[in-house]
Structures are given as structure tokens and as C-alpha cells.
Amino acid sequence: MVHVLIIESSARQQDSTSRQLTREFVNQWQNAHPDDVITLRDVAAKPVPHLDVDLLGGWTKPEAERSGAEIEALTRSNILTDELLAADVLVLAAPMYNFTIPSTLKAWLDHVLRAGITFKYTPTGPQGLLTGKRAIVLTARGGIHAGGASDHQEPYLRQVMAFIGIHDVEFIHAEGLNMSGDFYEKGMNQAKARLAAVA
């Protein structure tokens, strides 16, 4: 049995293309793997606070010296990190906002990239600790950006995933969604075809 963790980050609850891709992914995955467990966390509907002094204090201070706010921040980070540690497959659903990921997704990443837990520092540099996991990234983009200088989503997320030890990362881009003509239909059809192959 495989545990799949899905992180939704679209600010839109209705008419969201990345959420549509997520629903398609869940349907196809469940059909192919009915015994697998799927956990969904929506960081847009229930945002994770941005990295702040309380979270840093929760991570770095001895337990007896932590304030109530620091304990609360650490508890939240532990919950999110435990979800990631338990997952075999991580699915990130991310619309492109201003050429990169939503800030809500960045805030989630800031809670789970933790020294000694998801990566560690060694004499030769940082080493990811989440080896053996797989990541699938579903993106929705108004224009065409894959492979271009304007794409700050894929390079960033590939680097972040590698940093914590996840090197098996597949991107499924739905692109050209706000362009005229038949770009929307082509973009969605290509993404759905890729989803079917992945599931």
C-alpha cells in the first residue's frame, strides 16, 4: 500500500485548473491503485503561516526555553513534516503565479525543509534524507514557459526536492491556458494524457 500526499495551493477554489488536474489525478490513481491511501492538504484554504521568529525559535531553542507561540509553531511544523515523512508519493499542485509558485506553497516548504529531519549538513555539504520517495508536480500556466527563462517553478522545485533527497520528480504542465485559439484545449489534453501515463 502506497501513501500519497497531495498539496493543493491554488488561491481559486472554483474554476481552478490545477485543482481540476488534481481531481483527475486522484480519480486515475484510485482506479489504478484502489488500496492506496491519499492525504490531501490544502494550503490555500487553510494557509500555513510564513516562516517567522516563532518557528525559528521552536526549531532552535531548548524545549524548556520555548514560548507558547514557539511551541505552537513547532507543533504545526511537526504535523506537516510527519505527513511528508509518511508519504511515498508527494503531489504538488501549483498554478504559476508571477512566474513561480504560490507563496502558500513556499510557506509549506519552509515548514518541512528541516535540518536533521528532511536533510542534514555533512562535511561535504547538505544531504537529503527523503530518499526513495517520488514527487509529481501538476502546474497550470497561462502562457508557455517550460524550458524557458521565465520558468522559475520547475527549476526551483527540482532543486528543493533534490535538497531533501527526492530525485524522482515528474512535472506535468498544463500551459497556454490564457492564450487565444485552441491553446487551452491543447494544454489540458496534453496534461491529462501525461496524468494517465503517470497513474
Protein backbone atom coordinates (compact mmCIF):
# COMPACT_ATOMS: atom_id res chain seq x y z
CA MET A 1 0.00 0.00 0.00
CA VAL A 2 1.34 3.39 -1.06
CA HIS A 3 0.69 6.63 0.80
CA VAL A 4 0.14 9.65 -1.47
CA LEU A 5 0.31 13.18 -0.06
CA ILE A 6 -1.27 15.93 -2.19
CA ILE A 7 -0.57 19.61 -1.52
CA GLU A 8 -3.08 21.97 -3.13
CA SER A 9 -2.06 25.63 -3.41
CA SER A 10 -4.36 27.39 -5.88
CA ALA A 11 -5.99 30.54 -4.50
CA ARG A 12 -9.07 29.63 -6.53
CA GLN A 13 -11.46 27.10 -5.09
CA GLN A 14 -13.76 27.23 -8.14
CA ASP A 15 -12.57 27.23 -11.76
CA SER A 16 -9.04 26.25 -10.74
CA THR A 17 -7.17 24.36 -13.42
CA SER A 18 -4.61 22.90 -11.02
CA ARG A 19 -7.44 21.62 -8.82
CA GLN A 20 -9.05 20.09 -11.90
CA LEU A 21 -5.77 18.31 -12.62
CA THR A 22 -5.64 17.12 -9.03
CA ARG A 23 -9.14 15.65 -9.26
CA GLU A 24 -8.18 13.92 -12.49
CA PHE A 25 -5.03 12.56 -10.86
CA VAL A 26 -6.91 11.26 -7.80
CA ASN A 27 -9.55 9.54 -9.95
CA GLN A 28 -6.98 7.85 -12.14
CA TRP A 29 -4.70 6.91 -9.25
CA GLN A 30 -7.55 5.42 -7.21
CA ASN A 31 -8.76 3.42 -10.21
CA ALA A 32 -5.27 2.02 -10.73
CA HIS A 33 -4.37 1.65 -7.03
CA PRO A 34 -7.61 1.25 -5.03
CA ASP A 35 -5.82 0.19 -1.82
CA ASP A 36 -3.52 3.22 -1.63
CA VAL A 37 -4.03 5.97 0.95
CA ILE A 38 -4.40 9.55 -0.29
CA THR A 39 -4.00 12.51 2.08
CA LEU A 40 -4.95 15.98 0.84
CA ARG A 41 -3.68 19.20 2.42
CA ASP A 42 -4.99 22.48 1.01
CA VAL A 43 -2.58 25.27 1.95
CA ALA A 44 -4.74 27.85 0.18
CA ALA A 45 -7.95 27.03 2.05
CA LYS A 46 -6.01 26.64 5.31
CA PRO A 47 -2.82 28.66 4.84
CA VAL A 48 0.35 27.83 6.69
CA PRO A 49 1.93 30.95 8.27
CA HIS A 50 5.08 32.22 6.66
CA LEU A 51 8.42 31.46 8.28
CA ASP A 52 8.78 33.74 11.29
CA VAL A 53 10.72 34.21 14.52
CA ASP A 54 8.38 31.87 16.42
CA LEU A 55 9.04 28.97 14.07
CA LEU A 56 12.77 29.61 14.14
CA GLY A 57 12.66 29.70 17.94
CA GLY A 58 10.67 26.48 18.04
CA TRP A 59 13.30 24.77 15.94
CA THR A 60 16.40 26.09 17.67
CA LYS A 61 15.62 26.70 21.35
CA PRO A 62 15.79 24.04 24.07
CA GLU A 63 12.32 22.78 24.98
CA ALA A 64 12.29 24.49 28.37
CA GLU A 65 13.05 27.88 26.82
CA ARG A 66 10.33 27.90 24.16
CA SER A 67 7.46 30.35 24.43
CA GLY A 68 3.85 29.34 23.89
CA ALA A 69 3.93 30.78 20.36
CA GLU A 70 7.14 28.90 19.60
CA ILE A 71 5.66 25.62 20.84
CA GLU A 72 2.58 26.20 18.68
CA ALA A 73 4.73 26.94 15.61
CA LEU A 74 6.87 23.85 16.22
CA THR A 75 3.81 21.65 16.67
CA ARG A 76 2.43 22.87 13.34
CA SER A 77 5.75 22.22 11.61
CA ASN A 78 5.92 18.73 13.13
CA ILE A 79 2.45 17.85 11.83
CA LEU A 80 3.34 18.95 8.30
CA THR A 81 6.72 17.24 8.38
CA ASP A 82 5.26 13.99 9.71
CA GLU A 83 2.78 13.97 6.81
CA LEU A 84 5.65 14.31 4.36
CA LEU A 85 7.75 11.65 6.07
CA ALA A 86 4.83 9.21 5.94
CA ALA A 87 4.26 9.72 2.21
CA ASP A 88 5.70 7.53 -0.52
CA VAL A 89 4.49 9.84 -3.29
CA LEU A 90 4.28 13.64 -2.99
CA VAL A 91 1.99 15.52 -5.38
CA LEU A 92 2.36 19.29 -5.57
CA ALA A 93 -0.46 21.09 -7.40
CA ALA A 94 0.79 24.56 -8.23
CA PRO A 95 -0.57 27.25 -10.53
CA MET A 96 2.09 29.61 -11.82
CA TYR A 97 1.81 32.99 -10.12
CA ASN A 98 4.19 35.66 -11.42
CA PHE A 99 6.49 33.03 -12.94
CA THR A 100 6.85 30.93 -9.79
CA ILE A 101 4.92 29.01 -7.12
CA PRO A 102 2.20 30.44 -4.85
CA SER A 103 3.51 31.88 -1.59
CA THR A 104 1.27 29.41 0.27
CA LEU A 105 3.26 26.53 -1.19
CA LYS A 106 6.53 28.27 -0.35
CA ALA A 107 5.33 28.63 3.26
CA TRP A 108 4.60 24.89 3.40
CA LEU A 109 8.07 24.13 2.07
CA ASP A 110 9.59 26.42 4.70
CA HIS A 111 7.90 24.29 7.39
CA VAL A 112 9.14 20.92 6.09
CA LEU A 113 12.69 21.68 4.95
CA ARG A 114 14.22 20.94 8.33
CA ALA A 115 17.83 20.24 9.20
CA GLY A 116 18.22 16.87 10.86
CA ILE A 117 14.80 15.66 9.69
CA THR A 118 14.39 16.08 5.93
CA PHE A 119 18.03 16.97 5.24
CA LYS A 120 21.29 17.12 7.15
CA TYR A 121 24.55 19.00 6.88
CA THR A 122 27.68 16.93 6.27
CA PRO A 123 31.38 17.81 5.81
CA THR A 124 30.77 17.69 2.05
CA GLY A 125 27.55 19.71 2.09
CA PRO A 126 23.83 19.13 2.68
CA GLN A 127 22.38 15.67 2.16
CA GLY A 128 18.70 14.89 1.60
CA LEU A 129 17.12 12.34 3.91
CA LEU A 130 13.92 11.53 1.98
CA THR A 131 15.47 9.11 -0.48
CA GLY A 132 13.17 6.56 -2.10
CA LYS A 133 10.24 8.93 -2.42
CA ARG A 134 8.69 10.16 -5.65
CA ALA A 135 7.25 13.57 -6.48
CA ILE A 136 4.75 14.61 -9.14
CA VAL A 137 4.19 18.31 -9.82
CA LEU A 138 1.00 19.48 -11.54
CA THR A 139 1.23 23.02 -12.87
CA ALA A 140 -1.27 25.34 -14.54
CA ARG A 141 0.16 28.21 -16.59
CA GLY A 142 -1.44 30.99 -18.57
CA GLY A 143 1.43 31.13 -21.06
CA ILE A 144 4.11 28.82 -22.43
CA HIS A 145 7.07 28.70 -20.07
CA ALA A 146 8.50 25.15 -19.92
CA GLY A 147 12.22 25.18 -20.61
CA GLY A 148 12.36 28.97 -20.89
CA ALA A 149 13.97 31.70 -18.82
CA SER A 150 10.55 32.73 -17.46
CA ASP A 151 10.03 29.38 -15.75
CA HIS A 152 11.06 29.77 -12.11
CA GLN A 153 8.72 26.99 -10.96
CA GLU A 154 10.32 23.83 -12.26
CA PRO A 155 14.00 24.68 -11.59
CA TYR A 156 13.19 25.82 -8.05
CA LEU A 157 11.05 22.81 -7.17
CA ARG A 158 13.55 20.39 -8.69
CA GLN A 159 16.28 21.92 -6.55
CA VAL A 160 14.16 21.87 -3.40
CA MET A 161 13.12 18.25 -3.95
CA ALA A 162 16.73 17.20 -4.59
CA PHE A 163 17.81 19.09 -1.47
CA ILE A 164 15.64 16.81 0.68
CA GLY A 165 16.58 13.69 -1.26
CA ILE A 166 13.70 13.35 -3.74
CA HIS A 167 15.27 12.94 -7.16
CA ASP A 168 12.43 11.10 -8.92
CA VAL A 169 10.39 14.17 -9.88
CA GLU A 170 7.95 14.38 -12.78
CA PHE A 171 6.39 17.62 -13.97
CA ILE A 172 3.06 17.75 -15.77
CA HIS A 173 2.48 21.22 -17.19
CA ALA A 174 -0.86 22.49 -18.47
CA GLU A 175 0.35 25.51 -20.46
CA GLY A 176 -1.08 28.24 -22.67
CA LEU A 177 -4.33 28.26 -20.73
CA ASN A 178 -4.91 32.01 -21.10
CA MET A 179 -3.81 32.23 -24.72
CA SER A 180 -6.21 32.64 -27.61
CA GLY A 181 -7.25 29.95 -30.05
CA ASP A 182 -7.13 26.31 -29.06
CA PHE A 183 -4.18 26.60 -26.67
CA TYR A 184 -6.36 25.88 -23.61
CA GLU A 185 -7.75 22.66 -25.07
CA LYS A 186 -4.31 21.53 -26.24
CA GLY A 187 -2.71 22.32 -22.90
CA MET A 188 -5.33 20.44 -20.90
CA ASN A 189 -5.39 17.46 -23.25
CA GLN A 190 -1.62 17.10 -23.09
CA ALA A 191 -1.63 17.35 -19.30
CA LYS A 192 -4.42 14.79 -18.94
CA ALA A 193 -2.61 12.38 -21.26
CA ARG A 194 0.51 12.67 -19.11
CA LEU A 195 -1.58 12.14 -15.98
CA ALA A 196 -2.98 8.91 -17.35
CA ALA A 197 0.52 7.63 -18.04
CA VAL A 198 1.71 8.59 -14.55
CA ALA A 199 -1.25 6.98 -12.75
